[in-house]
């Protein structure tokens, strides 16, 4: 029997450390080899292999230090390289993005730490697709399910590459030693087509739902959500254009789709609608029964809730001093409970929050003596997302002091209120949730129809209503509605690893205060004899963004092999 490639021995080892199954492949009699045929000898063995594919192939947005898979670590989040946030430690890698200090030599360490791991996951998926028919004593439904899972995970890893690099090499089979390994890039159109084909096939093969305790396993809805996201990216200005953001000459086809086709927005709208149509039968719905001041917080603090389509369950219970919590908790907590850094919310981001009546909040440039009045007037999602002066962090820190903070605010979302030094919590990263599908639908309908129809309005308004916000004004122009739906994504999907990519697909990174230019904070002072605080806006940092950064560079070691065309400017 053919021995497993070294890559798959690594995959098997990962299964052993990941699975709770008692049987261990390495506990074997002398002379009995672990082979590929062992994996495909029974459903039990195959399930262990599938668990390893999930571990290799499902990403998340938390800080991580899993050197057993990647030999790399990332201690911050992409939000720190956007107008959402600023990490309170200069050594974190997001600071390199904010100063445009990115090179092709270090892109894997500076953002895409899963680059090599994705190719391992893709190979594992290809083997499963090829060998699923060899597993004895399983039903056709189960066989189709596992093929669907492999195609979903393969497509997920490809969209993660395409949104970073543009067109990438397509590998739809496992390589043999006699194959040509020097694959070049496929066009962006071919790459999107491959993702959509895999996601479509996966949706047909996967079950419509699992029990709520299995939100970490792909369903039909997860495949539909992936297809929706991919088609939204394909329709967006970065890709849906005749001329790319920078010229690559005859290789522009790696960067853009070659024309501006409005019908791509129709495909994106239809894909988002498919998610919304699937959801009720699967028991997936927006959280609306906790009250307007708690619905949003419940959604992100409660694992396996009814809004989650797919979550990355890569962690067990983690203590407050362990990754991922350690680097994203504020460094101003008391009694030894402080984090290593913490993610500060920029005033640029805070200013996005409307008042609860739907009008813009006014923040005088000269400052004011009514900080709490201003905060209390904001969209209820603000207090469910941001920690501010004197707000409660948790039961151990009932009153947070933000006066020494560069921006005057901290990110609270993603860090459970229940996390204390005595109570570990399980981090679950929500890869897909229903609110994204509503917002995808609204955006795509507005662009395809040259303005919002009733369905586009309702897709945004249903998100706003559950948090006590008024519906959007009627009769908005296409441009005005576009601004409103972009804004709604900023607020609703804050700190969920969307903003870093939305900025690029919309091509707004060069606007002042988005990825370059002035970044603002608030200087805070107590007012003697008053419960109020004085605030003064100030520029704490100026960032730079180079146009070449709309797409990542391929790592130089791969480009130097001679078969990968580098992205422009790198």
Protein backbone atom coordinates (compact mmCIF):
# COMPACT_ATOMS: atom_id res chain seq x y z
CA UNK A 1 0.00 0.00 0.00
CA UNK A 2 1.17 3.46 -0.81
CA UNK A 3 2.49 5.35 2.21
CA UNK A 4 0.97 8.70 2.98
CA UNK A 5 2.75 11.75 1.74
CA UNK A 6 4.48 13.62 4.58
CA UNK A 7 1.79 16.27 4.33
CA UNK A 8 -0.84 13.74 5.27
CA UNK A 9 1.14 12.29 8.12
CA UNK A 10 1.04 15.83 9.47
CA UNK A 11 -2.70 15.82 8.89
CA UNK A 12 -3.09 12.56 10.77
CA UNK A 13 -1.06 13.88 13.66
CA UNK A 14 -3.36 16.87 13.78
CA UNK A 15 -6.34 14.55 13.99
CA UNK A 16 -4.81 12.85 16.99
CA UNK A 17 -4.39 16.12 18.84
CA UNK A 18 -7.80 17.43 17.75
CA UNK A 19 -10.12 14.46 18.11
CA UNK A 20 -11.63 13.20 21.34
CA UNK A 21 -11.74 9.68 19.94
CA UNK A 22 -9.94 7.15 22.12
CA UNK A 23 -8.35 5.23 19.28
CA UNK A 24 -4.96 6.61 18.30
CA UNK A 25 -3.35 5.73 15.01
CA UNK A 26 0.12 5.89 16.47
CA UNK A 27 -0.74 3.26 19.08
CA UNK A 28 -0.13 0.41 16.65
CA UNK A 29 1.66 -2.89 16.61
CA UNK A 30 5.23 -2.91 15.27
CA UNK A 31 5.31 -3.12 11.49
CA UNK A 32 1.74 -1.89 11.00
CA UNK A 33 1.87 1.26 8.88
CA UNK A 34 -0.57 4.13 8.91
CA UNK A 35 -1.61 4.31 5.27
CA UNK A 36 -4.05 6.20 3.16
CA UNK A 37 -6.05 3.02 2.84
CA UNK A 38 -6.45 2.96 6.61
CA UNK A 39 -8.21 6.32 6.47
CA UNK A 40 -10.69 5.16 3.84
CA UNK A 41 -11.31 1.76 5.41
CA UNK A 42 -14.33 2.79 7.50
CA UNK A 43 -16.61 5.66 8.38
CA UNK A 44 -14.97 5.97 11.79
CA UNK A 45 -11.51 6.44 10.33
CA UNK A 46 -12.85 8.83 7.70
CA UNK A 47 -14.52 11.01 10.33
CA UNK A 48 -11.16 11.49 12.02
CA UNK A 49 -9.65 12.56 8.72
CA UNK A 50 -12.52 14.98 8.14
CA UNK A 51 -11.91 16.48 11.59
CA UNK A 52 -8.33 17.12 10.56
CA UNK A 53 -9.48 18.76 7.31
CA UNK A 54 -11.62 21.14 9.34
CA UNK A 55 -8.69 21.97 11.59
CA UNK A 56 -6.43 22.66 8.61
CA UNK A 57 -9.02 24.30 6.41
CA UNK A 58 -11.26 26.45 8.62
CA UNK A 59 -9.81 29.87 9.47
CA UNK A 60 -10.79 32.39 12.13
CA UNK A 61 -10.09 36.03 12.94
CA UNK A 62 -8.83 35.68 16.49
CA UNK A 63 -5.19 36.03 17.50
CA UNK A 64 -3.54 32.63 17.37
CA UNK A 65 -0.36 30.88 18.40
CA UNK A 66 -0.91 27.45 16.86
CA UNK A 67 2.63 26.65 15.82
CA UNK A 68 1.77 22.96 15.44
CA UNK A 69 0.09 23.83 12.13
CA UNK A 70 1.71 26.97 10.78
CA UNK A 71 4.93 27.61 12.70
CA UNK A 72 3.64 31.17 12.89
CA UNK A 73 1.62 33.30 15.25
CA UNK A 74 -0.50 36.39 14.99
CA UNK A 75 -1.25 38.29 18.15
CA UNK A 76 -3.66 40.87 16.77
CA UNK A 77 -6.69 41.19 14.50
CA UNK A 78 -7.19 42.76 11.09
CA UNK A 79 -9.33 45.48 12.70
CA UNK A 80 -6.14 47.08 13.97
CA UNK A 81 -5.14 47.80 10.37
CA UNK A 82 -8.42 49.57 9.54
CA UNK A 83 -10.35 52.58 10.77
CA UNK A 84 -12.05 50.27 13.27
CA UNK A 85 -9.15 50.09 15.66
CA UNK A 86 -5.63 50.68 16.90
CA UNK A 87 -3.71 48.17 18.97
CA UNK A 88 -2.21 49.54 22.16
CA UNK A 89 1.18 47.94 21.52
CA UNK A 90 3.54 49.05 18.80
CA UNK A 91 5.07 45.61 18.29
CA UNK A 92 1.90 44.10 16.86
CA UNK A 93 1.89 43.52 13.11
CA UNK A 94 -1.08 45.73 12.29
CA UNK A 95 1.21 48.71 12.90
CA UNK A 96 3.21 47.64 9.86
CA UNK A 97 0.08 47.95 7.71
CA UNK A 98 -0.68 51.38 9.11
CA UNK A 99 2.73 52.63 8.02
CA UNK A 100 2.70 50.69 4.70
CA UNK A 101 5.73 48.76 5.87
CA UNK A 102 4.77 45.55 4.08
CA UNK A 103 7.01 43.54 1.77
CA UNK A 104 6.70 40.38 -0.31
CA UNK A 105 9.29 38.72 1.92
CA UNK A 106 7.22 38.91 5.10
CA UNK A 107 3.56 38.87 3.98
CA UNK A 108 2.99 35.45 5.57
CA UNK A 109 4.14 36.71 8.95
CA UNK A 110 2.40 40.07 8.61
CA UNK A 111 -1.10 38.87 7.71
CA UNK A 112 -1.49 35.65 5.75
CA UNK A 113 -0.03 33.19 8.23
CA UNK A 114 -2.24 30.42 6.78
CA UNK A 115 -0.81 30.72 3.25
CA UNK A 116 1.02 27.39 3.23
CA UNK A 117 -1.56 25.69 5.43
CA UNK A 118 -4.26 26.37 2.83
CA UNK A 119 -2.44 24.28 0.26
CA UNK A 120 -2.24 21.43 2.76
CA UNK A 121 -5.99 21.72 3.36
CA UNK A 122 -6.71 21.81 -0.39
CA UNK A 123 -4.65 18.66 -0.96
CA UNK A 124 -6.47 16.91 1.86
CA UNK A 125 -9.81 17.91 0.31
CA UNK A 126 -8.70 16.63 -3.10
CA UNK A 127 -7.76 13.24 -1.64
CA UNK A 128 -11.12 12.95 0.10
CA UNK A 129 -13.02 13.81 -3.09
CA UNK A 130 -10.98 11.21 -4.97
CA UNK A 131 -11.23 8.41 -2.38
CA UNK A 132 -14.70 8.89 -0.84
CA UNK A 133 -16.08 6.18 -3.11
CA UNK A 134 -13.71 3.63 -1.56
CA UNK A 135 -15.17 3.78 1.95
CA UNK A 136 -17.22 0.61 2.57
CA UNK A 137 -20.56 0.32 4.31
CA UNK A 138 -21.66 3.94 4.10
CA UNK A 139 -24.79 5.38 2.57
CA UNK A 140 -24.80 7.42 -0.62
CA UNK A 141 -26.13 10.35 1.41
CA UNK A 142 -23.14 10.21 3.74
CA UNK A 143 -20.72 9.86 0.84
CA UNK A 144 -22.22 12.91 -0.84
CA UNK A 145 -22.09 14.82 2.44
CA UNK A 146 -18.36 14.32 2.96
CA UNK A 147 -17.63 15.22 -0.67
CA UNK A 148 -19.72 18.33 -0.11
CA UNK A 149 -17.72 19.18 3.00
CA UNK A 150 -14.46 18.79 1.09
CA UNK A 151 -15.68 21.02 -1.74
CA UNK A 152 -16.93 23.62 0.73
CA UNK A 153 -13.62 23.76 2.58
CA UNK A 154 -11.69 23.85 -0.69
CA UNK A 155 -13.83 26.76 -1.91
CA UNK A 156 -13.48 28.55 1.44
CA UNK A 157 -9.70 28.39 1.21
CA UNK A 158 -9.81 29.66 -2.35
CA UNK A 159 -11.95 32.71 -1.57
CA UNK A 160 -9.55 33.50 1.26
CA UNK A 161 -6.73 33.52 -1.30
CA UNK A 162 -8.61 35.32 -4.07
CA UNK A 163 -9.60 38.23 -1.85
CA UNK A 164 -5.94 38.63 -0.91
CA UNK A 165 -4.11 37.94 -4.19
CA UNK A 166 -6.54 37.97 -7.12
CA UNK A 167 -6.24 35.01 -9.49
CA UNK A 168 -4.40 32.04 -7.97
CA UNK A 169 -3.35 28.58 -9.20
CA UNK A 170 -6.28 26.17 -9.27
CA UNK A 171 -5.47 22.69 -7.99
CA UNK A 172 -8.46 20.38 -8.31
CA UNK A 173 -6.65 17.05 -7.91
CA UNK A 174 -3.83 15.73 -5.83
CA UNK A 175 -0.38 15.90 -7.34
CA UNK A 176 1.61 12.78 -8.06
CA UNK A 177 5.38 12.79 -8.21
CA UNK A 178 5.18 12.64 -12.00
CA UNK A 179 3.01 15.79 -12.26
CA UNK A 180 4.28 19.25 -13.14
CA UNK A 181 4.39 21.23 -9.91
CA UNK A 182 5.18 24.56 -11.60
CA UNK A 183 1.64 25.87 -11.83
CA UNK A 184 1.10 29.50 -12.73
CA UNK A 185 -1.82 31.71 -11.77
CA UNK A 186 -5.31 31.18 -13.14
CA UNK A 187 -7.26 34.26 -14.16
CA UNK A 188 -9.47 36.00 -11.64
CA UNK A 189 -12.53 34.89 -13.64
CA UNK A 190 -11.41 31.25 -13.55
CA UNK A 191 -10.70 31.51 -9.83
CA UNK A 192 -14.17 32.91 -9.02
CA UNK A 193 -15.80 30.32 -11.30
CA UNK A 194 -14.01 27.53 -9.46
CA UNK A 195 -15.14 28.82 -6.07
CA UNK A 196 -18.75 29.25 -7.17
CA UNK A 197 -18.80 25.79 -8.79
CA UNK A 198 -17.49 24.13 -5.63
CA UNK A 199 -19.88 26.07 -3.39
CA UNK A 200 -22.85 25.24 -5.64
CA UNK A 201 -22.00 21.53 -5.67
CA UNK A 202 -21.41 21.57 -1.91
CA UNK A 203 -24.82 23.17 -1.30
CA UNK A 204 -26.48 20.35 -3.24
CA UNK A 205 -24.68 17.65 -1.27
CA UNK A 206 -24.65 19.01 2.29
CA UNK A 207 -27.52 18.54 4.76
CA UNK A 208 -29.74 21.58 5.28
CA UNK A 209 -29.03 21.68 9.00
CA UNK A 210 -27.42 20.03 12.01
CA UNK A 211 -28.32 20.31 15.71
CA UNK A 212 -27.40 23.73 17.13
CA UNK A 213 -24.48 22.16 19.00
CA UNK A 214 -22.85 21.44 15.62
CA UNK A 215 -22.51 24.99 14.29
CA UNK A 216 -18.90 24.13 13.46
CA UNK A 217 -19.83 21.68 10.68
CA UNK A 218 -20.71 22.88 7.20
CA UNK A 219 -24.33 22.78 6.05
CA UNK A 220 -26.09 23.72 2.86
CA UNK A 221 -26.49 27.19 4.33
CA UNK A 222 -22.75 27.56 4.87
CA UNK A 223 -22.10 26.71 1.23
CA UNK A 224 -24.79 29.16 0.10
CA UNK A 225 -23.31 31.86 2.35
CA UNK A 226 -19.86 31.25 0.90
CA UNK A 227 -21.26 31.51 -2.63
CA UNK A 228 -23.00 34.76 -1.68
CA UNK A 229 -19.80 36.27 -0.35
CA UNK A 230 -17.75 35.17 -3.36
CA UNK A 231 -20.22 36.60 -5.87
CA UNK A 232 -20.46 39.86 -3.91
CA UNK A 233 -16.67 40.20 -4.10
CA UNK A 234 -16.73 39.40 -7.82
CA UNK A 235 -19.34 42.12 -8.43
CA UNK A 236 -17.50 44.79 -6.43
CA UNK A 237 -15.39 47.58 -7.96
CA UNK A 238 -11.98 46.02 -7.25
CA UNK A 239 -12.81 43.02 -9.47
CA UNK A 240 -15.74 44.09 -11.65
CA UNK A 241 -13.82 46.42 -13.94
CA UNK A 242 -12.06 46.61 -17.29
CA UNK A 243 -8.96 48.23 -15.80
CA UNK A 244 -7.36 47.01 -12.55
CA UNK A 245 -6.24 49.27 -9.70
CA UNK A 246 -2.70 49.10 -11.15
CA UNK A 247 -1.63 47.78 -14.51
CA UNK A 248 -0.05 44.37 -14.91
CA UNK A 249 0.07 44.65 -18.68
CA UNK A 250 -0.96 41.46 -20.44
CA UNK A 251 -1.57 39.90 -17.03
CA UNK A 252 -4.36 42.25 -15.96
CA UNK A 253 -6.63 39.19 -16.13
CA UNK A 254 -5.13 38.04 -12.82
CA UNK A 255 -6.35 41.23 -11.12
CA UNK A 256 -9.77 42.03 -12.59
CA UNK A 257 -12.58 40.47 -14.60
CA UNK A 258 -11.94 42.49 -17.77
CA UNK A 259 -15.18 44.44 -17.90
CA UNK A 260 -17.79 46.11 -15.71
CA UNK A 261 -20.82 43.85 -15.93
CA UNK A 262 -23.87 44.91 -13.93
CA UNK A 263 -25.25 41.36 -14.16
CA UNK A 264 -22.63 40.27 -11.65
CA UNK A 265 -24.65 42.16 -9.07
CA UNK A 266 -27.73 40.14 -10.10
CA UNK A 267 -25.83 36.92 -9.46
CA UNK A 268 -24.74 38.26 -6.07
CA UNK A 269 -28.32 39.27 -5.19
CA UNK A 270 -29.70 35.86 -6.18
CA UNK A 271 -27.02 34.09 -4.12
CA UNK A 272 -27.78 36.18 -1.03
CA UNK A 273 -31.51 35.57 -1.48
CA UNK A 274 -30.83 31.82 -1.56
CA UNK A 275 -29.31 32.08 1.92
CA UNK A 276 -32.33 34.01 3.21
CA UNK A 277 -34.71 31.47 1.67
CA UNK A 278 -32.83 28.54 3.20
CA UNK A 279 -32.62 30.00 6.72
CA UNK A 280 -36.20 29.59 8.09
CA UNK A 281 -36.35 25.87 7.33
CA UNK A 282 -33.01 25.39 9.08
CA UNK A 283 -34.07 27.30 12.20
CA UNK A 284 -31.68 30.17 11.44
CA UNK A 285 -32.99 33.67 12.19
CA UNK A 286 -31.93 37.06 13.54
CA UNK A 287 -31.85 37.35 17.33
CA UNK A 288 -34.84 39.57 18.16
CA UNK A 289 -36.19 38.33 21.51
CA UNK A 290 -33.63 39.78 23.95
CA UNK A 291 -34.63 43.42 23.63
CA UNK A 292 -33.13 46.16 21.47
CA UNK A 293 -30.39 46.87 24.02
CA UNK A 294 -29.34 43.21 24.21
CA UNK A 295 -30.14 41.44 20.90
CA UNK A 296 -26.85 42.42 19.30
CA UNK A 297 -24.74 41.56 22.33
CA UNK A 298 -26.45 38.19 22.71
CA UNK A 299 -25.68 37.40 19.10
CA UNK A 300 -21.92 37.73 19.51
CA UNK A 301 -21.56 36.54 23.11
CA UNK A 302 -23.64 33.36 22.86
CA UNK A 303 -22.03 30.49 21.01
CA UNK A 304 -24.25 28.39 18.73
CA UNK A 305 -27.09 30.92 18.74
CA UNK A 306 -29.80 30.85 16.08
CA UNK A 307 -28.14 33.51 13.88
CA UNK A 308 -24.90 31.57 13.38
CA UNK A 309 -24.58 29.68 10.10
CA UNK A 310 -21.02 28.45 10.63
CA UNK A 311 -18.48 29.04 13.40
CA UNK A 312 -14.80 28.18 13.65
CA UNK A 313 -14.48 26.01 16.74
CA UNK A 314 -10.71 25.86 16.99
CA UNK A 315 -10.44 26.56 20.71
CA UNK A 316 -11.63 24.87 23.86
CA UNK A 317 -12.12 26.90 27.05
CA UNK A 318 -9.46 29.60 27.30
CA UNK A 319 -8.50 31.48 30.43
CA UNK A 320 -8.36 35.26 30.50
CA UNK A 321 -4.55 35.24 30.38
CA UNK A 322 -4.36 32.90 27.38
CA UNK A 323 -4.52 33.49 23.62
CA UNK A 324 -6.77 34.77 22.09
CA UNK A 325 -8.06 36.84 25.00
CA UNK A 326 -4.67 37.97 26.30
CA UNK A 327 -3.72 40.24 23.40
CA UNK A 328 -7.14 41.80 22.74
CA UNK A 329 -8.10 42.63 26.34
CA UNK A 330 -7.37 46.23 27.39
CA UNK A 331 -4.05 46.81 29.07
CA UNK A 332 -5.70 49.15 31.59
CA UNK A 333 -7.61 46.52 33.55
CA UNK A 334 -6.60 46.41 37.22
CA UNK A 335 -5.40 43.78 39.68
CA UNK A 336 -3.21 41.87 37.25
CA UNK A 337 -6.14 41.30 34.90
CA UNK A 338 -4.84 43.55 32.12
CA UNK A 339 -4.18 42.22 28.64
CA UNK A 340 -0.94 42.45 26.72
CA UNK A 341 -2.24 45.26 24.53
CA UNK A 342 -5.92 45.53 23.71
CA UNK A 343 -7.66 46.90 20.65
CA UNK A 344 -8.67 50.53 20.96
CA UNK A 345 -11.62 51.71 18.88
CA UNK A 346 -10.70 54.81 16.89
CA UNK A 347 -12.78 57.96 17.10
CA UNK A 348 -13.00 57.67 13.29
CA UNK A 349 -15.06 54.55 13.90
CA UNK A 350 -17.04 55.84 16.88
CA UNK A 351 -18.23 58.79 14.78
CA UNK A 352 -19.97 56.34 12.45
CA UNK A 353 -22.63 55.57 15.06
CA UNK A 354 -25.86 57.46 14.44
CA UNK A 355 -28.08 58.78 17.17
CA UNK A 356 -30.92 56.46 18.14
CA UNK A 357 -33.29 58.65 16.09
CA UNK A 358 -31.26 57.86 12.95
CA UNK A 359 -29.62 61.28 12.57
CA UNK A 360 -25.85 61.85 12.67
CA UNK A 361 -24.31 62.56 16.06
CA UNK A 362 -22.50 65.90 16.32
CA UNK A 363 -19.03 65.89 17.85
CA UNK A 364 -17.70 69.48 17.94
CA UNK A 365 -14.07 69.71 16.91
CA UNK A 366 -13.49 72.01 19.88
CA UNK A 367 -14.78 69.29 22.21
CA UNK A 368 -17.42 69.50 24.89
CA UNK A 369 -18.45 68.73 28.45
CA UNK A 370 -21.16 66.19 27.65
CA UNK A 371 -19.41 62.90 26.78
CA UNK A 372 -22.00 60.68 28.45
CA UNK A 373 -24.89 62.60 26.95
CA UNK A 374 -23.41 62.05 23.51
CA UNK A 375 -22.85 58.34 24.17
CA UNK A 376 -26.33 57.79 25.60
CA UNK A 377 -27.86 59.20 22.41
CA UNK A 378 -26.14 56.66 20.15
CA UNK A 379 -27.39 53.58 18.31
CA UNK A 380 -27.83 50.84 20.98
CA UNK A 381 -25.22 48.74 19.19
CA UNK A 382 -22.55 51.18 20.33
CA UNK A 383 -22.72 50.12 23.99
CA UNK A 384 -22.91 46.48 22.90
CA UNK A 385 -19.70 46.83 20.88
CA UNK A 386 -17.48 49.50 22.48
CA UNK A 387 -16.12 49.95 25.99
CA UNK A 388 -16.07 53.62 26.99
CA UNK A 389 -15.24 55.78 30.02
CA UNK A 390 -16.77 54.36 33.25
CA UNK A 391 -18.50 51.50 31.39
CA UNK A 392 -18.55 48.04 32.92
CA UNK A 393 -16.02 45.65 31.46
CA UNK A 394 -17.14 42.67 33.54
CA UNK A 395 -17.94 41.87 37.18
CA UNK A 396 -14.25 42.14 38.09
CA UNK A 397 -13.87 45.55 36.43
CA UNK A 398 -17.18 47.37 36.89
CA UNK A 399 -15.86 50.78 35.86
CA UNK A 400 -13.31 51.10 33.06
CA UNK A 401 -10.98 54.10 33.00
CA UNK A 402 -10.24 55.11 29.40
CA UNK A 403 -8.37 58.37 30.13
CA UNK A 404 -4.96 56.89 29.45
CA UNK A 405 -6.17 55.29 26.23
CA UNK A 406 -4.87 56.79 23.00
CA UNK A 407 -8.32 56.90 21.41
CA UNK A 408 -10.61 57.06 24.46
CA UNK A 409 -12.40 53.77 23.61
CA UNK A 410 -11.80 50.01 23.56
CA UNK A 411 -13.26 47.18 21.51
CA UNK A 412 -15.44 44.98 23.72
CA UNK A 413 -17.13 42.92 21.01
CA UNK A 414 -15.61 39.42 20.60
CA UNK A 415 -14.56 39.37 24.30
CA UNK A 416 -17.36 37.88 26.44
CA UNK A 417 -18.53 39.84 29.46
CA UNK A 418 -18.47 36.53 31.32
CA UNK A 419 -14.69 36.17 30.83
CA UNK A 420 -12.95 36.71 34.18
CA UNK A 421 -9.78 35.47 35.83
CA UNK A 422 -11.89 32.75 37.40
CA UNK A 423 -14.12 31.86 34.46
CA UNK A 424 -12.63 30.62 31.19
CA UNK A 425 -14.66 31.08 28.02
CA UNK A 426 -14.74 29.25 24.68
CA UNK A 427 -13.86 31.45 21.69
CA UNK A 428 -16.03 30.75 18.64
CA UNK A 429 -15.38 32.83 15.54
CA UNK A 430 -18.53 33.33 13.48
CA UNK A 431 -17.49 32.76 9.88
CA UNK A 432 -21.00 33.23 8.48
CA UNK A 433 -24.10 34.65 10.12
CA UNK A 434 -27.46 35.59 8.74
CA UNK A 435 -27.06 39.37 9.06
CA UNK A 436 -24.30 39.30 6.44
CA UNK A 437 -26.66 37.70 3.91
CA UNK A 438 -29.24 40.47 4.44
CA UNK A 439 -26.61 43.14 3.89
CA UNK A 440 -25.16 41.34 0.85
CA UNK A 441 -28.67 41.23 -0.61
CA UNK A 442 -29.33 44.92 -0.03
CA UNK A 443 -26.00 45.99 -1.54
CA UNK A 444 -26.36 43.80 -4.62
CA UNK A 445 -29.99 44.81 -5.32
CA UNK A 446 -29.13 48.51 -5.15
CA UNK A 447 -26.26 48.14 -7.60
CA UNK A 448 -28.15 45.93 -10.06
CA UNK A 449 -31.35 48.01 -10.09
CA UNK A 450 -29.58 51.41 -10.17
CA UNK A 451 -31.25 52.19 -6.88
CA UNK A 452 -32.97 50.47 -3.97
CA UNK A 453 -36.22 48.60 -4.35
CA UNK A 454 -38.51 47.53 -1.50
CA UNK A 455 -36.57 44.31 -0.91
CA UNK A 456 -33.28 46.22 -0.58
CA UNK A 457 -34.83 48.57 1.98
CA UNK A 458 -36.30 45.72 3.98
CA UNK A 459 -32.99 43.81 4.03
CA UNK A 460 -31.36 46.78 5.79
CA UNK A 461 -34.34 47.76 7.91
CA UNK A 462 -34.75 44.30 9.43
CA UNK A 463 -31.19 44.61 10.75
CA UNK A 464 -31.83 48.09 12.12
CA UNK A 465 -35.18 47.30 13.72
CA UNK A 466 -33.82 44.51 15.88
CA UNK A 467 -31.49 47.04 17.51
CA UNK A 468 -34.11 49.75 17.94
CA UNK A 469 -32.96 51.90 15.04
CA UNK A 470 -35.43 53.63 12.70
CA UNK A 471 -35.89 52.52 9.13
CA UNK A 472 -33.93 54.21 6.36
CA UNK A 473 -35.50 57.29 4.74
CA UNK A 474 -37.61 56.60 1.67
CA UNK A 475 -36.66 57.60 -1.88
CA UNK A 476 -32.89 57.43 -1.47
CA UNK A 477 -30.82 57.63 -4.63
CA UNK A 478 -28.55 54.75 -5.61
CA UNK A 479 -25.52 56.62 -4.28
CA UNK A 480 -27.22 57.60 -1.02
CA UNK A 481 -28.46 54.06 -0.43
CA UNK A 482 -24.98 52.73 -1.22
CA UNK A 483 -23.53 54.95 1.48
CA UNK A 484 -26.17 53.78 3.94
CA UNK A 485 -25.68 50.07 3.29
CA UNK A 486 -21.90 50.47 3.49
CA UNK A 487 -22.41 52.26 6.80
CA UNK A 488 -24.72 49.52 8.05
CA UNK A 489 -22.05 46.90 7.30
CA UNK A 490 -19.51 48.98 9.20
CA UNK A 491 -21.71 48.99 12.31
CA UNK A 492 -23.40 45.59 12.19
CA UNK A 493 -20.33 43.59 11.15
CA UNK A 494 -17.79 45.57 13.19
CA UNK A 495 -14.67 43.66 14.31
CA UNK A 496 -15.77 40.52 12.44
CA UNK A 497 -12.98 40.62 9.83
CA UNK A 498 -15.14 42.25 7.17
CA UNK A 499 -13.94 45.86 7.20
CA UNK A 500 -10.35 45.02 6.15
CA UNK A 501 -11.71 43.43 2.96
CA UNK A 502 -14.74 45.68 2.37
CA UNK A 503 -12.41 48.67 2.25
CA UNK A 504 -10.47 47.01 -0.55
CA UNK A 505 -13.33 45.62 -2.62
CA UNK A 506 -15.05 49.04 -2.51
CA UNK A 507 -11.69 50.73 -3.26
CA UNK A 508 -12.10 53.36 -0.54
CA UNK A 509 -8.82 52.73 1.28
CA UNK A 510 -7.28 55.98 0.04
CA UNK A 511 -10.00 58.17 1.52
CA UNK A 512 -8.84 60.25 4.45
CA UNK A 513 -9.37 58.45 7.73
CA UNK A 514 -10.10 55.02 6.24
CA UNK A 515 -6.66 53.48 5.66
CA UNK A 516 -4.61 56.62 5.35
CA UNK A 517 -4.56 60.17 6.61
CA UNK A 518 -5.81 61.45 9.97
CA UNK A 519 -6.76 59.08 12.77
CA UNK A 520 -8.57 60.59 15.71
CA UNK A 521 -9.00 59.92 19.38
CA UNK A 522 -10.57 61.71 22.31
CA UNK A 523 -8.66 63.25 25.21
CA UNK A 524 -10.80 62.80 28.32
CA UNK A 525 -10.85 64.75 31.57
CA UNK A 526 -13.09 64.56 34.60
CA UNK A 527 -15.12 67.69 35.35
CA UNK A 528 -14.86 68.64 39.06
CA UNK A 529 -18.23 68.49 40.79
CA UNK A 530 -19.90 66.79 37.82
CA UNK A 531 -20.53 63.22 36.71
CA UNK A 532 -19.81 64.30 33.14
CA UNK A 533 -16.49 64.23 31.30
CA UNK A 534 -14.82 66.72 29.03
CA UNK A 535 -13.66 65.44 25.66
CA UNK A 536 -11.40 67.01 23.04
CA UNK A 537 -10.90 65.35 19.63
CA UNK A 538 -7.29 65.18 18.46
CA UNK A 539 -5.23 63.49 15.75
CA UNK A 540 -3.13 60.79 17.39
CA UNK A 541 -1.71 59.24 14.21
CA UNK A 542 -1.38 59.62 10.47
CA UNK A 543 -1.40 56.43 8.44
CA UNK A 544 -0.32 55.70 4.89
CA UNK A 545 -1.80 53.39 2.29
CA UNK A 546 -0.08 52.61 -1.01
CA UNK A 547 -2.24 51.77 -3.99
CA UNK A 548 -0.43 48.48 -4.51
CA UNK A 549 -1.89 47.34 -1.17
CA UNK A 550 -5.33 46.71 -2.68
CA UNK A 551 -3.98 43.19 -3.19
CA UNK A 552 -1.32 41.38 -1.19
CA UNK A 553 2.02 40.44 -2.68
CA UNK A 554 2.70 36.77 -3.23
CA UNK A 555 5.43 35.62 -0.91
CA UNK A 556 8.78 36.24 -2.58
CA UNK A 557 10.03 32.67 -2.15
CA UNK A 558 7.21 31.45 -4.41
CA UNK A 559 7.65 34.21 -6.99
CA UNK A 560 11.37 33.45 -7.21
CA UNK A 561 10.56 29.93 -8.42
CA UNK A 562 9.58 31.56 -11.71
CA UNK A 563 5.99 30.43 -12.29
CA UNK A 564 3.98 32.97 -10.24
CA UNK A 565 3.45 36.47 -11.67
CA UNK A 566 3.78 38.97 -8.83
CA UNK A 567 1.06 41.54 -8.19
CA UNK A 568 1.88 45.09 -9.36
CA UNK A 569 4.04 47.37 -7.27
CA UNK A 570 5.65 44.64 -5.18
